[in-house]
């Protein structure tokens, strides 16, 4: 079986379908905690018992013994193995693999938590064929809005498009950071002032709207508000890059009749509107200009005073 999508495993667990063996890896800790909690909730409570091992301190034989011997207090073992990529002779665990089934048909559940899945190893190929392999990868830019909406829904929040875009533009961006910002937003009685600074702080969203709508007068007015403030102008460059990359995809979709853009909801409508104002060649030219600015910043971390006005005059009608 190929690697399973995060949502597929969630759906299976909700249906009480449990794999006897999971191999979970990746750097997105929020996803990892989510799936581990759902596995635990599906498998427990007793008569199941938990046994936890560190792979660097545990032999495969010890794990197999735990499967054969019920844990203290009785029950059927739920076995956690952390840093599973450090296991020696993991092929011996192959006897624990098998298809998903109802909990009543299981003798044990083994969950391996690893930093990666080494495709060069024979055991990795066995896992892909006979176990549940789950990649907890970083969330791509095109998936951020969906996660913002999903985590907001858990808190019964209905966010406007400006706040959604602001949360999508946080830098650095992880699900833990996003969840923390939403929690702060609720605790503060829905005040955006408590949120981490993003590229939208200080009216940056108004500049984006003006710039990509190619409204020169409005964009120049916004530039005057933030151009001298490095804490606002620096991150805005990153957000311009994020937006222009998606604008390229949207325009290409329109020209070729494809559906590569993964934007949805408010963002999809916003980019559709902007795409009516730009030719693909113009967007590509602007993208190259941003790349040159990025190169300049790596050589000298300061922005020319006239940079923002020049961009507006050059690319806005």
Protein backbone atom coordinates (compact mmCIF):
# COMPACT_ATOMS: atom_id res chain seq x y z
CA UNK A 1 0.00 0.00 0.00
CA UNK A 2 1.34 3.51 -0.77
CA UNK A 3 1.84 6.15 1.90
CA UNK A 4 -1.51 7.04 3.43
CA UNK A 5 -2.81 10.59 3.55
CA UNK A 6 -3.28 12.12 6.98
CA UNK A 7 -7.02 12.52 6.39
CA UNK A 8 -7.40 8.93 5.19
CA UNK A 9 -6.03 7.58 8.47
CA UNK A 10 -8.26 9.94 10.43
CA UNK A 11 -11.29 8.66 8.54
CA UNK A 12 -10.32 5.02 9.11
CA UNK A 13 -9.89 5.56 12.84
CA UNK A 14 -13.29 7.25 13.04
CA UNK A 15 -14.69 4.08 11.45
CA UNK A 16 -12.85 1.97 14.06
CA UNK A 17 -10.53 0.51 11.44
CA UNK A 18 -7.09 0.08 13.01
CA UNK A 19 -3.83 -1.12 11.50
CA UNK A 20 -1.71 -3.48 13.60
CA UNK A 21 1.40 -1.53 12.55
CA UNK A 22 1.92 2.21 11.92
CA UNK A 23 5.08 3.93 10.72
CA UNK A 24 4.71 7.68 11.21
CA UNK A 25 7.40 10.18 10.22
CA UNK A 26 7.97 13.82 9.36
CA UNK A 27 8.71 17.23 10.85
CA UNK A 28 5.20 18.63 11.36
CA UNK A 29 4.77 17.97 15.09
CA UNK A 30 1.15 19.12 15.21
CA UNK A 31 0.10 16.48 12.68
CA UNK A 32 2.12 13.89 14.57
CA UNK A 33 0.39 14.66 17.87
CA UNK A 34 -3.00 14.67 16.18
CA UNK A 35 -2.61 11.23 14.66
CA UNK A 36 -1.07 9.71 17.79
CA UNK A 37 -3.94 11.01 19.91
CA UNK A 38 -6.48 9.60 17.47
CA UNK A 39 -4.77 6.20 17.45
CA UNK A 40 -4.72 6.15 21.25
CA UNK A 41 -8.38 7.18 21.44
CA UNK A 42 -9.38 4.46 18.96
CA UNK A 43 -7.38 1.71 20.71
CA UNK A 44 -7.85 2.62 24.38
CA UNK A 45 -9.35 2.42 27.04
CA UNK A 46 -8.62 -0.93 28.76
CA UNK A 47 -8.46 -3.86 28.39
CA UNK A 48 -5.63 -2.37 26.35
CA UNK A 49 -2.35 -1.34 27.96
CA UNK A 50 0.42 0.92 26.73
CA UNK A 51 4.10 0.07 26.47
CA UNK A 52 6.62 2.69 25.35
CA UNK A 53 10.18 2.18 24.10
CA UNK A 54 13.07 4.29 22.85
CA UNK A 55 14.55 2.57 19.79
CA UNK A 56 18.12 3.50 20.75
CA UNK A 57 17.72 1.58 24.01
CA UNK A 58 15.52 -1.30 22.81
CA UNK A 59 16.02 -4.41 20.74
CA UNK A 60 13.46 -5.74 18.30
CA UNK A 61 13.34 -8.91 20.40
CA UNK A 62 12.14 -6.85 23.38
CA UNK A 63 9.31 -5.44 21.30
CA UNK A 64 8.27 -8.90 20.13
CA UNK A 65 8.33 -10.16 23.71
CA UNK A 66 5.99 -7.31 24.69
CA UNK A 67 3.58 -8.40 21.96
CA UNK A 68 3.58 -11.99 23.20
CA UNK A 69 3.29 -11.04 26.88
CA UNK A 70 0.36 -8.91 28.09
CA UNK A 71 1.35 -5.71 29.93
CA UNK A 72 1.04 -5.34 33.69
CA UNK A 73 -2.60 -5.30 34.64
CA UNK A 74 -3.56 -7.42 31.65
CA UNK A 75 -4.93 -6.37 28.31
CA UNK A 76 -3.60 -6.27 24.77
CA UNK A 77 -0.51 -4.09 24.20
CA UNK A 78 -0.42 -0.78 22.41
CA UNK A 79 3.30 -0.37 21.74
CA UNK A 80 4.99 2.96 21.02
CA UNK A 81 8.53 3.02 19.57
CA UNK A 82 10.15 6.44 19.39
CA UNK A 83 13.08 7.25 17.08
CA UNK A 84 12.19 4.07 15.21
CA UNK A 85 14.71 4.86 12.46
CA UNK A 86 17.38 3.79 14.99
CA UNK A 87 16.02 0.24 15.32
CA UNK A 88 18.45 -2.55 14.47
CA UNK A 89 17.15 -5.49 12.44
CA UNK A 90 13.68 -3.95 12.00
CA UNK A 91 12.80 -6.65 9.44
CA UNK A 92 12.05 -8.94 12.39
CA UNK A 93 8.98 -6.80 13.05
CA UNK A 94 7.48 -7.89 9.73
CA UNK A 95 5.50 -10.58 11.55
CA UNK A 96 3.45 -7.81 13.20
CA UNK A 97 2.30 -6.31 9.88
CA UNK A 98 -1.08 -6.81 8.29
CA UNK A 99 -4.18 -5.05 6.96
CA UNK A 100 -6.47 -2.76 8.95
CA UNK A 101 -9.25 -4.41 10.92
CA UNK A 102 -11.66 -3.90 13.78
CA UNK A 103 -10.16 -3.59 17.27
CA UNK A 104 -11.73 -6.86 18.41
CA UNK A 105 -9.72 -8.70 15.74
CA UNK A 106 -6.34 -7.31 16.82
CA UNK A 107 -3.73 -8.92 19.07
CA UNK A 108 -1.58 -5.78 19.33
CA UNK A 109 -0.96 -2.37 17.80
CA UNK A 110 2.59 -1.12 17.23
CA UNK A 111 3.22 2.55 16.43
CA UNK A 112 6.70 3.54 15.23
CA UNK A 113 7.59 7.23 15.33
CA UNK A 114 10.51 8.03 13.06
CA UNK A 115 12.30 11.03 11.61
CA UNK A 116 12.01 9.60 8.10
CA UNK A 117 11.29 6.64 5.84
CA UNK A 118 14.48 5.51 4.15
CA UNK A 119 13.36 4.25 0.75
CA UNK A 120 16.68 2.50 0.23
CA UNK A 121 16.02 0.00 3.00
CA UNK A 122 14.29 -3.29 2.38
CA UNK A 123 12.10 -2.85 5.46
CA UNK A 124 10.75 0.45 4.12
CA UNK A 125 9.47 -1.36 1.01
CA UNK A 126 7.84 -3.97 3.23
CA UNK A 127 6.18 -1.24 5.27
CA UNK A 128 4.79 0.47 2.19
CA UNK A 129 3.27 -2.83 1.11
CA UNK A 130 1.92 -4.16 4.40
CA UNK A 131 1.58 -1.36 6.97
CA UNK A 132 0.11 2.11 7.47
CA UNK A 133 2.84 4.59 6.54
CA UNK A 134 1.94 8.18 7.36
CA UNK A 135 3.99 11.22 6.36
CA UNK A 136 3.57 14.21 8.69
CA UNK A 137 5.09 16.68 6.24
CA UNK A 138 5.24 20.44 6.52
CA UNK A 139 2.12 22.17 5.25
CA UNK A 140 2.62 23.58 1.75
CA UNK A 141 1.70 27.16 0.98
CA UNK A 142 -1.29 26.08 -1.09
CA UNK A 143 -2.66 24.11 1.89
CA UNK A 144 -2.34 26.83 4.50
CA UNK A 145 -5.76 28.39 4.01
CA UNK A 146 -7.50 25.02 4.42
CA UNK A 147 -5.67 24.45 7.72
CA UNK A 148 -6.48 27.98 8.91
CA UNK A 149 -10.15 27.34 8.19
CA UNK A 150 -10.03 23.90 9.80
CA UNK A 151 -8.39 25.01 13.05
CA UNK A 152 -10.61 28.09 13.20
CA UNK A 153 -13.69 25.88 12.84
CA UNK A 154 -12.63 23.89 15.90
CA UNK A 155 -12.95 27.11 17.89
CA UNK A 156 -16.19 28.12 16.17
CA UNK A 157 -14.45 31.07 14.54
CA UNK A 158 -15.62 32.71 11.33
CA UNK A 159 -12.57 34.62 10.05
CA UNK A 160 -12.69 37.36 7.44
CA UNK A 161 -10.47 37.19 4.37
CA UNK A 162 -7.95 39.72 5.71
CA UNK A 163 -7.33 37.74 8.89
CA UNK A 164 -7.11 34.48 6.95
CA UNK A 165 -4.46 35.94 4.68
CA UNK A 166 -2.60 37.38 7.66
CA UNK A 167 -2.51 33.96 9.33
CA UNK A 168 -1.41 32.33 6.07
CA UNK A 169 1.49 34.78 5.88
CA UNK A 170 3.00 34.17 9.32
CA UNK A 171 6.74 33.62 9.12
CA UNK A 172 7.90 31.18 10.36
CA UNK A 173 4.78 29.10 9.73
CA UNK A 174 3.90 25.80 11.37
CA UNK A 175 0.61 24.34 12.55
CA UNK A 176 1.72 24.80 16.16
CA UNK A 177 2.33 28.51 15.55
CA UNK A 178 -1.01 28.85 13.77
CA UNK A 179 -2.85 27.05 16.59
CA UNK A 180 -1.13 29.25 19.16
CA UNK A 181 -2.14 32.43 17.32
CA UNK A 182 -5.78 31.31 17.11
CA UNK A 183 -5.76 30.53 20.83
CA UNK A 184 -4.37 34.00 21.60
CA UNK A 185 -7.02 35.52 19.34
CA UNK A 186 -9.82 33.80 21.28
CA UNK A 187 -8.38 34.49 24.74
CA UNK A 188 -7.94 38.19 23.90
CA UNK A 189 -11.62 38.44 22.98
CA UNK A 190 -10.89 38.46 19.25
CA UNK A 191 -8.26 41.18 19.18
CA UNK A 192 -5.87 41.02 16.22
CA UNK A 193 -3.38 43.15 18.16
CA UNK A 194 -2.11 40.07 20.03
CA UNK A 195 -1.16 38.17 16.88
CA UNK A 196 2.44 37.77 15.78
CA UNK A 197 3.64 40.35 13.33
CA UNK A 198 3.17 39.21 9.77
CA UNK A 199 3.56 40.81 6.41
CA UNK A 200 0.08 42.24 6.79
CA UNK A 201 0.87 44.32 9.85
CA UNK A 202 0.62 48.09 9.51
CA UNK A 203 -1.78 48.07 6.58
CA UNK A 204 0.20 45.66 4.42
CA UNK A 205 -2.99 43.97 3.26
CA UNK A 206 -4.25 47.27 1.88
CA UNK A 207 -1.00 47.60 -0.07
CA UNK A 208 -1.37 44.08 -1.48
CA UNK A 209 -4.91 44.79 -2.59
CA UNK A 210 -3.91 48.08 -4.18
CA UNK A 211 -0.78 46.72 -5.84
CA UNK A 212 -2.25 43.57 -7.35
CA UNK A 213 -5.34 45.54 -8.39
CA UNK A 214 -2.80 47.85 -10.09
CA UNK A 215 -4.23 50.95 -8.41
CA UNK A 216 -1.17 53.23 -8.51
CA UNK A 217 -2.60 56.11 -6.46
CA UNK A 218 -3.78 53.91 -3.61
CA UNK A 219 -0.60 51.78 -3.64
CA UNK A 220 1.66 54.86 -3.45
CA UNK A 221 -0.35 56.14 -0.51
CA UNK A 222 0.13 52.82 1.32
CA UNK A 223 3.86 52.86 0.55
CA UNK A 224 4.16 56.20 2.35
CA UNK A 225 2.75 54.56 5.48
CA UNK A 226 5.28 51.74 5.82
CA UNK A 227 8.30 52.22 3.53
CA UNK A 228 10.49 53.74 6.26
CA UNK A 229 9.67 50.97 8.76
CA UNK A 230 11.91 47.95 8.16
CA UNK A 231 9.92 45.74 10.55
CA UNK A 232 6.94 46.13 8.21
CA UNK A 233 8.57 46.41 4.80
CA UNK A 234 10.96 43.44 5.05
CA UNK A 235 8.30 40.76 5.69
CA UNK A 236 6.05 42.34 3.07
CA UNK A 237 8.58 41.37 0.40
CA UNK A 238 8.14 37.73 1.38
CA UNK A 239 4.38 38.01 1.16
CA UNK A 240 4.62 39.65 -2.26
CA UNK A 241 6.62 36.63 -3.39
CA UNK A 242 4.00 34.25 -1.95
CA UNK A 243 1.18 36.06 -3.72
CA UNK A 244 2.93 36.39 -7.07
CA UNK A 245 3.73 32.65 -7.15
CA UNK A 246 0.07 31.81 -6.70
CA UNK A 247 -0.99 34.47 -9.19
CA UNK A 248 1.21 32.81 -11.83
CA UNK A 249 -0.50 29.46 -11.22
CA UNK A 250 -3.98 31.00 -11.37
CA UNK A 251 -3.27 32.78 -14.66
CA UNK A 252 -1.74 29.62 -16.17
CA UNK A 253 -4.82 27.66 -15.13
CA UNK A 254 -7.04 30.19 -16.88
CA UNK A 255 -4.95 30.16 -20.05
CA UNK A 256 -4.54 26.37 -20.27
CA UNK A 257 -7.84 25.24 -18.75
CA UNK A 258 -6.01 23.37 -15.97
CA UNK A 259 -6.72 23.18 -12.23
CA UNK A 260 -3.32 23.27 -10.53
CA UNK A 261 -4.18 26.06 -8.10
CA UNK A 262 -5.14 24.71 -4.66
CA UNK A 263 -6.52 28.00 -3.33
CA UNK A 264 -10.08 28.00 -2.08
CA UNK A 265 -12.71 30.29 -0.60
CA UNK A 266 -11.77 33.93 -0.09
CA UNK A 267 -8.26 33.55 -1.48
CA UNK A 268 -9.45 31.86 -4.66
CA UNK A 269 -11.84 34.71 -5.38
CA UNK A 270 -9.22 37.32 -4.58
CA UNK A 271 -6.65 35.83 -6.95
CA UNK A 272 -9.27 35.37 -9.67
CA UNK A 273 -10.04 39.10 -9.44
CA UNK A 274 -6.36 40.06 -9.53
CA UNK A 275 -5.69 37.79 -12.50
CA UNK A 276 -8.00 39.95 -14.62
CA UNK A 277 -5.58 42.85 -14.17
CA UNK A 278 -2.35 41.10 -15.20
CA UNK A 279 -0.81 39.46 -18.23
CA UNK A 280 1.32 36.41 -17.55
CA UNK A 281 4.41 38.14 -18.98
CA UNK A 282 3.95 41.05 -16.55
CA UNK A 283 3.64 38.74 -13.54
CA UNK A 284 6.75 36.83 -14.61
CA UNK A 285 8.65 40.11 -14.98
CA UNK A 286 7.58 41.17 -11.50
CA UNK A 287 8.65 37.80 -10.12
CA UNK A 288 12.13 38.29 -11.60
CA UNK A 289 12.28 41.76 -10.05
CA UNK A 290 11.51 40.29 -6.61
CA UNK A 291 14.26 37.71 -7.08
CA UNK A 292 16.75 40.51 -7.80
CA UNK A 293 15.62 42.40 -4.70
CA UNK A 294 16.04 39.25 -2.63
CA UNK A 295 19.58 38.87 -3.98
CA UNK A 296 20.32 42.50 -3.10
CA UNK A 297 19.12 41.97 0.48
CA UNK A 298 21.42 38.98 0.92
CA UNK A 299 24.35 41.17 -0.05
CA UNK A 300 23.30 44.18 2.01
CA UNK A 301 20.38 43.87 4.46
CA UNK A 302 18.85 47.27 3.71
CA UNK A 303 16.14 48.40 1.32
CA UNK A 304 16.74 51.36 -1.03
CA UNK A 305 14.46 54.20 0.04
CA UNK A 306 12.82 54.48 -3.35
CA UNK A 307 12.33 50.75 -3.87
CA UNK A 308 8.64 50.57 -3.06
CA UNK A 309 7.67 53.64 -5.05
CA UNK A 310 9.65 52.36 -8.04
CA UNK A 311 7.86 48.99 -7.92
CA UNK A 312 4.47 50.69 -7.81
CA UNK A 313 5.25 53.12 -10.63
CA UNK A 314 6.66 50.36 -12.80
CA UNK A 315 3.95 47.75 -12.34
CA UNK A 316 0.78 49.73 -11.52
CA UNK A 317 -1.12 51.65 -14.14
